[in-house]
Structures are given as C-alpha cells and as structure tokens.
Amino acid sequence: MKKMGQGVEIEDVEGFADIAASYATMLELRPNLGNVESFVQQVIRQKAQGYRLTAAWSDGEIVGLVGYRSQESLFYGRYVFVDDLVVNASFRKSGIGALLLDAARKYARELGCKQLVLETGLQKVLAQRFYFREGLLPHALGFIESLGDRTH
C-alpha cells in the first residue's frame, strides 16, 4: 500500500466487494459498461487472464483506478499495457493519476519489462497532456474495425 497526502491510499482491488465498489469510478471512463454485476464478472474474467486493477482510496471510497496487464509481442518484447486509467472528476489534478500510473510502472519493472504502453482516444486532449507530463510519448496510431455484421 502506498499513501499520499490527504488520506489517499493506493492498493490492488481484490474480491467481489471491492470490484463492485470500483464500478462507479470505472463508469466515468467506460460509460457503456453494463450493470455492476456484469462489470464484476468481466473484471473477474480479465483477472483470470492476468489483468490487475489498482485503486486510489480516499475516506473509504475509490477515487481512481488503473487496470493493466503484462503482455509480450515481437515488437515490444515483454511489456505492461494499461487498459484503463481514470480519476474521479472531483479528484483530478491532485496527483492521483500519477500515483496510479506509478503502480503500473512498478509492476512492469518487477516483471523486467522495458515498456509501458497505453492507448488514448485522439479526442482526449487533456489525457494526452497528462501522459506527456508523465513522460509517455506518442509512438503509434491504433486502428480498429468493428466486426459486428461484416463478412469480409
């Protein structure tokens, strides 16, 4: 557990109750999440695949989250990918995002990874500024295709 001024603690989210408690905060980043029960089941499935969820707690409430996982590719070698990083709107600009990102960095270093990788929306200018301040640099442009009803 890592502490910050004003009673903020950083610790891994474990167990059904804490995963459920993280739902409202994650909803700020992922507004298309289903209900809390489906969210908990999704996180449990992802945790079985190596996903970690770390929270910033203040006065017994989750005020920020970072979700990340170890991966390996021919391009990056072994690296940690940050899937989710969110701080409640009322706690932004307080250093919590940096602490959460540090938790992912620490995990990456413990695994011997040389890279920390994340993606952010092109429209998320404030997030991009934060990442620049944190020393992350743009490296690639991601593409996505919805495979819903397409057959080619």
N, C-alpha and C. Protein backbone atom coordinates (compact mmCIF):
# COMPACT_ATOMS: atom_id res chain seq x y z
N MET A 1 0.84 -1.17 0.00
CA MET A 1 0.00 0.00 0.00
C MET A 1 0.89 1.24 0.00
N LYS A 2 0.54 2.20 -0.81
CA LYS A 2 1.28 3.45 -0.92
C LYS A 2 0.35 4.58 -0.48
N LYS A 3 0.84 5.46 0.34
CA LYS A 3 -0.01 6.54 0.83
C LYS A 3 0.40 7.87 0.22
N MET A 4 -0.58 8.74 0.11
CA MET A 4 -0.36 10.10 -0.38
C MET A 4 -1.05 11.04 0.60
N GLY A 5 -0.68 12.29 0.60
CA GLY A 5 -1.33 13.26 1.48
C GLY A 5 -2.84 13.23 1.35
N GLN A 6 -3.52 13.74 2.34
CA GLN A 6 -4.98 13.82 2.38
C GLN A 6 -5.63 12.44 2.45
N GLY A 7 -4.93 11.46 3.00
CA GLY A 7 -5.53 10.16 3.25
C GLY A 7 -5.78 9.30 2.04
N VAL A 8 -5.06 9.49 0.94
CA VAL A 8 -5.24 8.65 -0.25
C VAL A 8 -4.32 7.45 -0.15
N GLU A 9 -4.87 6.27 -0.38
CA GLU A 9 -4.10 5.03 -0.37
C GLU A 9 -4.23 4.35 -1.73
N ILE A 10 -3.13 3.75 -2.20
CA ILE A 10 -3.11 3.03 -3.46
C ILE A 10 -2.95 1.55 -3.14
N GLU A 11 -3.90 0.74 -3.57
CA GLU A 11 -3.79 -0.70 -3.34
C GLU A 11 -4.58 -1.48 -4.38
N ASP A 12 -4.18 -2.73 -4.57
CA ASP A 12 -4.84 -3.59 -5.56
C ASP A 12 -6.27 -3.88 -5.14
N VAL A 13 -7.13 -3.98 -6.13
CA VAL A 13 -8.54 -4.32 -5.92
C VAL A 13 -8.64 -5.84 -5.96
N GLU A 14 -9.10 -6.41 -4.88
CA GLU A 14 -9.27 -7.87 -4.78
C GLU A 14 -10.65 -8.16 -4.21
N GLY A 15 -11.28 -9.17 -4.69
CA GLY A 15 -12.55 -9.59 -4.13
C GLY A 15 -13.75 -8.90 -4.75
N PHE A 16 -14.86 -9.60 -4.67
CA PHE A 16 -16.12 -9.16 -5.28
C PHE A 16 -16.53 -7.77 -4.80
N ALA A 17 -16.49 -7.54 -3.49
CA ALA A 17 -16.99 -6.27 -2.93
C ALA A 17 -16.17 -5.08 -3.43
N ASP A 18 -14.85 -5.22 -3.46
CA ASP A 18 -14.01 -4.10 -3.92
C ASP A 18 -14.14 -3.89 -5.42
N ILE A 19 -14.30 -4.97 -6.18
CA ILE A 19 -14.52 -4.81 -7.62
C ILE A 19 -15.84 -4.06 -7.84
N ALA A 20 -16.87 -4.46 -7.12
CA ALA A 20 -18.17 -3.78 -7.23
C ALA A 20 -18.04 -2.31 -6.82
N ALA A 21 -17.23 -2.03 -5.79
CA ALA A 21 -17.04 -0.66 -5.34
C ALA A 21 -16.32 0.20 -6.38
N SER A 22 -15.61 -0.44 -7.30
CA SER A 22 -14.88 0.31 -8.34
C SER A 22 -15.76 0.65 -9.54
N TYR A 23 -16.96 0.10 -9.59
CA TYR A 23 -17.84 0.26 -10.76
C TYR A 23 -18.12 1.73 -11.08
N ALA A 24 -18.53 2.51 -10.09
CA ALA A 24 -18.92 3.90 -10.36
C ALA A 24 -17.76 4.71 -10.93
N THR A 25 -16.56 4.47 -10.42
CA THR A 25 -15.39 5.19 -10.94
C THR A 25 -15.08 4.74 -12.36
N MET A 26 -15.10 3.44 -12.62
CA MET A 26 -14.81 2.95 -13.97
C MET A 26 -15.86 3.44 -14.96
N LEU A 27 -17.08 3.63 -14.49
CA LEU A 27 -18.15 4.12 -15.35
C LEU A 27 -17.83 5.51 -15.92
N GLU A 28 -17.05 6.31 -15.19
CA GLU A 28 -16.65 7.62 -15.70
C GLU A 28 -15.80 7.48 -16.96
N LEU A 29 -14.99 6.43 -17.03
CA LEU A 29 -14.14 6.19 -18.19
C LEU A 29 -14.84 5.36 -19.25
N ARG A 30 -15.62 4.40 -18.81
CA ARG A 30 -16.28 3.44 -19.70
C ARG A 30 -17.79 3.53 -19.51
N PRO A 31 -18.43 4.58 -20.07
CA PRO A 31 -19.87 4.79 -19.83
C PRO A 31 -20.77 3.72 -20.43
N ASN A 32 -20.25 2.89 -21.29
CA ASN A 32 -21.07 1.83 -21.90
C ASN A 32 -21.02 0.52 -21.15
N LEU A 33 -20.47 0.52 -19.94
CA LEU A 33 -20.46 -0.70 -19.14
C LEU A 33 -21.89 -1.15 -18.87
N GLY A 34 -22.07 -2.42 -18.71
CA GLY A 34 -23.39 -2.93 -18.31
C GLY A 34 -23.64 -2.60 -16.85
N ASN A 35 -24.42 -3.42 -16.20
CA ASN A 35 -24.71 -3.21 -14.78
C ASN A 35 -23.52 -3.66 -13.93
N VAL A 36 -23.61 -3.41 -12.64
CA VAL A 36 -22.49 -3.70 -11.75
C VAL A 36 -22.16 -5.19 -11.73
N GLU A 37 -23.17 -6.05 -11.80
CA GLU A 37 -22.91 -7.50 -11.77
C GLU A 37 -22.12 -7.95 -13.00
N SER A 38 -22.51 -7.46 -14.17
CA SER A 38 -21.78 -7.85 -15.38
C SER A 38 -20.36 -7.27 -15.37
N PHE A 39 -20.20 -6.08 -14.79
CA PHE A 39 -18.88 -5.48 -14.66
C PHE A 39 -17.99 -6.35 -13.77
N VAL A 40 -18.51 -6.76 -12.63
CA VAL A 40 -17.73 -7.61 -11.72
C VAL A 40 -17.31 -8.89 -12.42
N GLN A 41 -18.23 -9.53 -13.12
CA GLN A 41 -17.90 -10.77 -13.83
C GLN A 41 -16.84 -10.53 -14.91
N GLN A 42 -16.95 -9.41 -15.61
CA GLN A 42 -15.95 -9.06 -16.64
C GLN A 42 -14.57 -8.90 -16.01
N VAL A 43 -14.49 -8.18 -14.91
CA VAL A 43 -13.20 -7.98 -14.24
C VAL A 43 -12.65 -9.31 -13.75
N ILE A 44 -13.49 -10.16 -13.19
CA ILE A 44 -13.04 -11.47 -12.73
C ILE A 44 -12.48 -12.28 -13.89
N ARG A 45 -13.17 -12.26 -15.04
CA ARG A 45 -12.65 -12.98 -16.23
C ARG A 45 -11.31 -12.41 -16.67
N GLN A 46 -11.21 -11.09 -16.69
CA GLN A 46 -9.96 -10.47 -17.11
C GLN A 46 -8.84 -10.76 -16.11
N LYS A 47 -9.16 -10.76 -14.81
CA LYS A 47 -8.15 -11.08 -13.80
C LYS A 47 -7.62 -12.50 -14.00
N ALA A 48 -8.47 -13.41 -14.43
CA ALA A 48 -8.02 -14.78 -14.70
C ALA A 48 -7.04 -14.82 -15.87
N GLN A 49 -7.03 -13.76 -16.68
CA GLN A 49 -6.12 -13.65 -17.82
C GLN A 49 -4.94 -12.72 -17.52
N GLY A 50 -4.77 -12.34 -16.26
CA GLY A 50 -3.62 -11.54 -15.87
C GLY A 50 -3.87 -10.05 -15.66
N TYR A 51 -5.12 -9.62 -15.81
CA TYR A 51 -5.47 -8.20 -15.60
C TYR A 51 -5.35 -7.87 -14.12
N ARG A 52 -4.79 -6.71 -13.84
CA ARG A 52 -4.70 -6.21 -12.46
C ARG A 52 -5.48 -4.90 -12.39
N LEU A 53 -6.14 -4.69 -11.29
CA LEU A 53 -6.89 -3.46 -11.06
C LEU A 53 -6.40 -2.87 -9.74
N THR A 54 -5.92 -1.65 -9.80
CA THR A 54 -5.38 -0.97 -8.62
C THR A 54 -6.20 0.30 -8.41
N ALA A 55 -6.52 0.57 -7.16
CA ALA A 55 -7.40 1.70 -6.83
C ALA A 55 -6.70 2.72 -5.95
N ALA A 56 -7.16 3.96 -6.09
CA ALA A 56 -6.83 5.03 -5.15
C ALA A 56 -8.06 5.18 -4.25
N TRP A 57 -7.85 5.04 -2.96
CA TRP A 57 -8.93 5.13 -1.98
C TRP A 57 -8.77 6.43 -1.18
N SER A 58 -9.87 7.12 -0.95
CA SER A 58 -9.89 8.30 -0.10
C SER A 58 -11.13 8.23 0.78
N ASP A 59 -10.93 8.27 2.07
CA ASP A 59 -12.04 8.19 3.03
C ASP A 59 -12.95 7.00 2.75
N GLY A 60 -12.35 5.85 2.45
CA GLY A 60 -13.12 4.63 2.25
C GLY A 60 -13.79 4.49 0.90
N GLU A 61 -13.55 5.43 -0.01
CA GLU A 61 -14.16 5.36 -1.34
C GLU A 61 -13.08 5.33 -2.41
N ILE A 62 -13.38 4.62 -3.49
CA ILE A 62 -12.47 4.57 -4.62
C ILE A 62 -12.62 5.87 -5.41
N VAL A 63 -11.48 6.55 -5.63
CA VAL A 63 -11.50 7.82 -6.36
C VAL A 63 -10.67 7.76 -7.64
N GLY A 64 -10.03 6.64 -7.89
CA GLY A 64 -9.26 6.46 -9.12
C GLY A 64 -8.91 5.00 -9.31
N LEU A 65 -8.69 4.62 -10.57
CA LEU A 65 -8.37 3.23 -10.91
C LEU A 65 -7.37 3.17 -12.04
N VAL A 66 -6.55 2.14 -12.01
CA VAL A 66 -5.72 1.79 -13.16
C VAL A 66 -5.83 0.28 -13.35
N GLY A 67 -6.14 -0.12 -14.58
CA GLY A 67 -6.20 -1.53 -14.94
C GLY A 67 -5.11 -1.81 -15.95
N TYR A 68 -4.35 -2.88 -15.74
CA TYR A 68 -3.19 -3.15 -16.59
C TYR A 68 -2.89 -4.64 -16.62
N ARG A 69 -2.06 -5.05 -17.59
CA ARG A 69 -1.72 -6.46 -17.73
C ARG A 69 -0.39 -6.60 -18.43
N SER A 70 0.27 -7.67 -18.14
CA SER A 70 1.53 -8.00 -18.79
C SER A 70 1.25 -8.69 -20.12
N GLN A 71 2.00 -8.31 -21.14
CA GLN A 71 1.86 -8.94 -22.45
C GLN A 71 3.25 -9.12 -23.05
N GLU A 72 3.28 -9.80 -24.18
CA GLU A 72 4.53 -9.96 -24.90
C GLU A 72 4.24 -9.92 -26.39
N SER A 73 5.09 -9.23 -27.11
CA SER A 73 4.94 -9.16 -28.56
C SER A 73 6.32 -9.12 -29.21
N LEU A 74 6.35 -9.41 -30.49
CA LEU A 74 7.61 -9.32 -31.21
C LEU A 74 8.11 -7.88 -31.27
N PHE A 75 7.19 -6.93 -31.31
CA PHE A 75 7.55 -5.52 -31.41
C PHE A 75 8.11 -4.97 -30.10
N TYR A 76 7.36 -5.13 -28.99
CA TYR A 76 7.75 -4.55 -27.71
C TYR A 76 8.55 -5.50 -26.83
N GLY A 77 8.54 -6.78 -27.11
CA GLY A 77 9.05 -7.74 -26.15
C GLY A 77 8.03 -7.87 -25.03
N ARG A 78 8.50 -8.06 -23.81
CA ARG A 78 7.58 -8.14 -22.67
C ARG A 78 7.28 -6.71 -22.20
N TYR A 79 6.01 -6.41 -22.01
CA TYR A 79 5.61 -5.06 -21.63
C TYR A 79 4.33 -5.11 -20.80
N VAL A 80 4.01 -3.99 -20.18
CA VAL A 80 2.74 -3.85 -19.47
C VAL A 80 1.88 -2.87 -20.26
N PHE A 81 0.65 -3.31 -20.52
CA PHE A 81 -0.33 -2.49 -21.23
C PHE A 81 -1.34 -1.95 -20.24
N VAL A 82 -1.54 -0.64 -20.25
CA VAL A 82 -2.54 0.00 -19.39
C VAL A 82 -3.84 0.06 -20.16
N ASP A 83 -4.81 -0.72 -19.72
CA ASP A 83 -6.13 -0.75 -20.34
C ASP A 83 -7.00 0.42 -19.90
N ASP A 84 -6.93 0.75 -18.62
CA ASP A 84 -7.86 1.69 -18.02
C ASP A 84 -7.11 2.59 -17.04
N LEU A 85 -7.33 3.88 -17.12
CA LEU A 85 -6.81 4.82 -16.14
C LEU A 85 -7.84 5.93 -15.98
N VAL A 86 -8.37 6.07 -14.78
CA VAL A 86 -9.41 7.06 -14.55
C VAL A 86 -9.30 7.59 -13.12
N VAL A 87 -9.51 8.88 -12.98
CA VAL A 87 -9.61 9.52 -11.67
C VAL A 87 -10.94 10.26 -11.65
N ASN A 88 -11.68 10.10 -10.56
CA ASN A 88 -12.96 10.80 -10.44
C ASN A 88 -12.76 12.29 -10.72
N ALA A 89 -13.72 12.88 -11.39
CA ALA A 89 -13.61 14.27 -11.82
C ALA A 89 -13.23 15.21 -10.67
N SER A 90 -13.80 15.01 -9.51
CA SER A 90 -13.54 15.91 -8.38
C SER A 90 -12.15 15.72 -7.76
N PHE A 91 -11.42 14.69 -8.16
CA PHE A 91 -10.08 14.43 -7.61
C PHE A 91 -8.97 14.63 -8.64
N ARG A 92 -9.32 15.06 -9.85
CA ARG A 92 -8.30 15.27 -10.88
C ARG A 92 -7.39 16.43 -10.49
N LYS A 93 -6.20 16.41 -11.02
CA LYS A 93 -5.17 17.43 -10.76
C LYS A 93 -4.70 17.41 -9.31
N SER A 94 -4.80 16.24 -8.67
CA SER A 94 -4.34 16.11 -7.29
C SER A 94 -3.17 15.14 -7.16
N GLY A 95 -2.68 14.63 -8.28
CA GLY A 95 -1.55 13.69 -8.24
C GLY A 95 -1.95 12.23 -8.20
N ILE A 96 -3.25 11.95 -8.13
CA ILE A 96 -3.70 10.56 -8.03
C ILE A 96 -3.42 9.80 -9.32
N GLY A 97 -3.64 10.42 -10.47
CA GLY A 97 -3.35 9.75 -11.74
C GLY A 97 -1.90 9.33 -11.83
N ALA A 98 -0.99 10.20 -11.40
CA ALA A 98 0.44 9.88 -11.42
C ALA A 98 0.75 8.71 -10.50
N LEU A 99 0.13 8.68 -9.32
CA LEU A 99 0.35 7.56 -8.40
C LEU A 99 -0.14 6.25 -8.99
N LEU A 100 -1.29 6.29 -9.64
CA LEU A 100 -1.83 5.07 -10.25
C LEU A 100 -0.94 4.61 -11.40
N LEU A 101 -0.48 5.53 -12.22
CA LEU A 101 0.43 5.17 -13.30
C LEU A 101 1.74 4.61 -12.73
N ASP A 102 2.20 5.16 -11.61
CA ASP A 102 3.40 4.63 -10.95
C ASP A 102 3.21 3.19 -10.50
N ALA A 103 2.00 2.84 -10.08
CA ALA A 103 1.73 1.46 -9.68
C ALA A 103 1.91 0.51 -10.86
N ALA A 104 1.44 0.93 -12.04
CA ALA A 104 1.62 0.10 -13.24
C ALA A 104 3.09 0.05 -13.64
N ARG A 105 3.79 1.16 -13.52
CA ARG A 105 5.23 1.19 -13.82
C ARG A 105 6.00 0.24 -12.90
N LYS A 106 5.67 0.31 -11.62
CA LYS A 106 6.35 -0.55 -10.63
C LYS A 106 6.15 -2.02 -10.98
N TYR A 107 4.94 -2.39 -11.31
CA TYR A 107 4.64 -3.77 -11.69
C TYR A 107 5.45 -4.15 -12.93
N ALA A 108 5.51 -3.27 -13.91
CA ALA A 108 6.27 -3.55 -15.14
C ALA A 108 7.74 -3.78 -14.81
N ARG A 109 8.30 -2.94 -13.97
CA ARG A 109 9.71 -3.10 -13.60
C ARG A 109 9.94 -4.39 -12.83
N GLU A 110 9.02 -4.75 -11.94
CA GLU A 110 9.15 -6.01 -11.20
C GLU A 110 9.19 -7.20 -12.13
N LEU A 111 8.48 -7.11 -13.26
CA LEU A 111 8.46 -8.20 -14.24
C LEU A 111 9.63 -8.13 -15.21
N GLY A 112 10.44 -7.09 -15.11
CA GLY A 112 11.56 -6.92 -16.03
C GLY A 112 11.17 -6.35 -17.38
N CYS A 113 9.99 -5.73 -17.45
CA CYS A 113 9.53 -5.14 -18.71
C CYS A 113 10.31 -3.86 -19.00
N LYS A 114 10.51 -3.60 -20.27
CA LYS A 114 11.21 -2.39 -20.70
C LYS A 114 10.23 -1.31 -21.18
N GLN A 115 8.96 -1.66 -21.35
CA GLN A 115 7.99 -0.73 -21.92
C GLN A 115 6.70 -0.72 -21.09
N LEU A 116 6.11 0.46 -21.01
CA LEU A 116 4.75 0.64 -20.52
C LEU A 116 3.99 1.24 -21.69
N VAL A 117 2.90 0.62 -22.09
CA VAL A 117 2.17 1.01 -23.29
C VAL A 117 0.72 1.30 -22.93
N LEU A 118 0.16 2.33 -23.54
CA LEU A 118 -1.27 2.58 -23.38
C LEU A 118 -1.79 3.26 -24.63
N GLU A 119 -3.09 3.28 -24.76
CA GLU A 119 -3.75 3.97 -25.86
C GLU A 119 -4.73 4.97 -25.26
N THR A 120 -4.93 6.07 -25.96
CA THR A 120 -5.94 7.03 -25.55
C THR A 120 -6.63 7.56 -26.80
N GLY A 121 -7.85 7.97 -26.65
CA GLY A 121 -8.60 8.49 -27.79
C GLY A 121 -7.95 9.75 -28.35
N LEU A 122 -8.02 9.89 -29.66
CA LEU A 122 -7.44 11.08 -30.31
C LEU A 122 -8.09 12.36 -29.80
N GLN A 123 -9.34 12.29 -29.38
CA GLN A 123 -10.07 13.46 -28.91
C GLN A 123 -9.78 13.79 -27.44
N LYS A 124 -9.06 12.95 -26.74
CA LYS A 124 -8.82 13.13 -25.30
C LYS A 124 -7.56 13.97 -25.06
N VAL A 125 -7.67 15.23 -25.38
CA VAL A 125 -6.51 16.13 -25.33
C VAL A 125 -5.98 16.28 -23.90
N LEU A 126 -6.86 16.38 -22.92
CA LEU A 126 -6.40 16.53 -21.53
C LEU A 126 -5.66 15.30 -21.07
N ALA A 127 -6.14 14.12 -21.44
CA ALA A 127 -5.43 12.88 -21.09
C ALA A 127 -4.06 12.86 -21.75
N GLN A 128 -4.01 13.28 -23.00
CA GLN A 128 -2.73 13.30 -23.72
C GLN A 128 -1.74 14.24 -23.03
N ARG A 129 -2.19 15.39 -22.57
CA ARG A 129 -1.31 16.31 -21.83
C ARG A 129 -0.77 15.65 -20.57
N PHE A 130 -1.65 14.96 -19.87
CA PHE A 130 -1.23 14.24 -18.66
C PHE A 130 -0.14 13.23 -19.00
N TYR A 131 -0.35 12.44 -20.05
CA TYR A 131 0.64 11.43 -20.42
C TYR A 131 1.97 12.06 -20.81
N PHE A 132 1.94 13.17 -21.52
CA PHE A 132 3.19 13.88 -21.85
C PHE A 132 3.90 14.31 -20.56
N ARG A 133 3.15 14.88 -19.62
CA ARG A 133 3.75 15.31 -18.35
C ARG A 133 4.36 14.14 -17.61
N GLU A 134 3.77 12.97 -17.77
CA GLU A 134 4.25 11.77 -17.09
C GLU A 134 5.40 11.08 -17.84
N GLY A 135 5.82 11.65 -18.96
CA GLY A 135 6.96 11.11 -19.69
C GLY A 135 6.62 10.10 -20.76
N LEU A 136 5.34 9.87 -21.03
CA LEU A 136 4.95 8.98 -22.11
C LEU A 136 4.93 9.77 -23.41
N LEU A 137 5.36 9.13 -24.47
CA LEU A 137 5.43 9.79 -25.77
C LEU A 137 4.59 9.03 -26.79
N PRO A 138 4.00 9.75 -27.75
CA PRO A 138 3.23 9.05 -28.79
C PRO A 138 4.18 8.19 -29.63
N HIS A 139 3.71 7.00 -29.95
CA HIS A 139 4.58 6.06 -30.65
C HIS A 139 3.93 5.44 -31.87
N ALA A 140 2.63 5.28 -31.84
CA ALA A 140 1.94 4.60 -32.94
C ALA A 140 0.52 5.14 -33.04
N LEU A 141 -0.12 4.82 -34.12
CA LEU A 141 -1.52 5.17 -34.33
C LEU A 141 -2.29 3.87 -34.41
N GLY A 142 -3.25 3.67 -33.51
CA GLY A 142 -4.02 2.43 -33.48
C GLY A 142 -5.21 2.50 -34.42
N PHE A 143 -5.58 1.37 -34.95
CA PHE A 143 -6.76 1.27 -35.81
C PHE A 143 -7.68 0.20 -35.24
N ILE A 144 -8.96 0.34 -35.49
CA ILE A 144 -9.94 -0.62 -35.01
C ILE A 144 -11.01 -0.81 -36.07
N GLU A 145 -11.52 -2.01 -36.16
CA GLU A 145 -12.64 -2.32 -37.06
C GLU A 145 -13.67 -3.10 -36.27
N SER A 146 -14.90 -2.64 -36.30
CA SER A 146 -15.98 -3.38 -35.67
C SER A 146 -16.34 -4.55 -36.57
N LEU A 147 -16.37 -5.74 -36.01
CA LEU A 147 -16.65 -6.95 -36.79
C LEU A 147 -18.08 -7.41 -36.65
N GLY A 148 -18.95 -6.56 -36.11
CA GLY A 148 -20.35 -6.89 -35.89
C GLY A 148 -21.01 -7.71 -36.98
N ASP A 149 -21.52 -7.09 -38.03
CA ASP A 149 -22.25 -7.79 -39.08
C ASP A 149 -21.47 -7.91 -40.38
N ARG A 150 -20.24 -7.48 -40.38
CA ARG A 150 -19.46 -7.52 -41.62
C ARG A 150 -18.96 -8.93 -41.89
N THR A 151 -18.88 -9.26 -43.15
CA THR A 151 -18.49 -10.63 -43.52
C THR A 151 -17.22 -10.69 -44.35
N HIS A 152 -16.55 -9.59 -44.61
CA HIS A 152 -15.33 -9.68 -45.44
C HIS A 152 -14.07 -9.72 -44.65
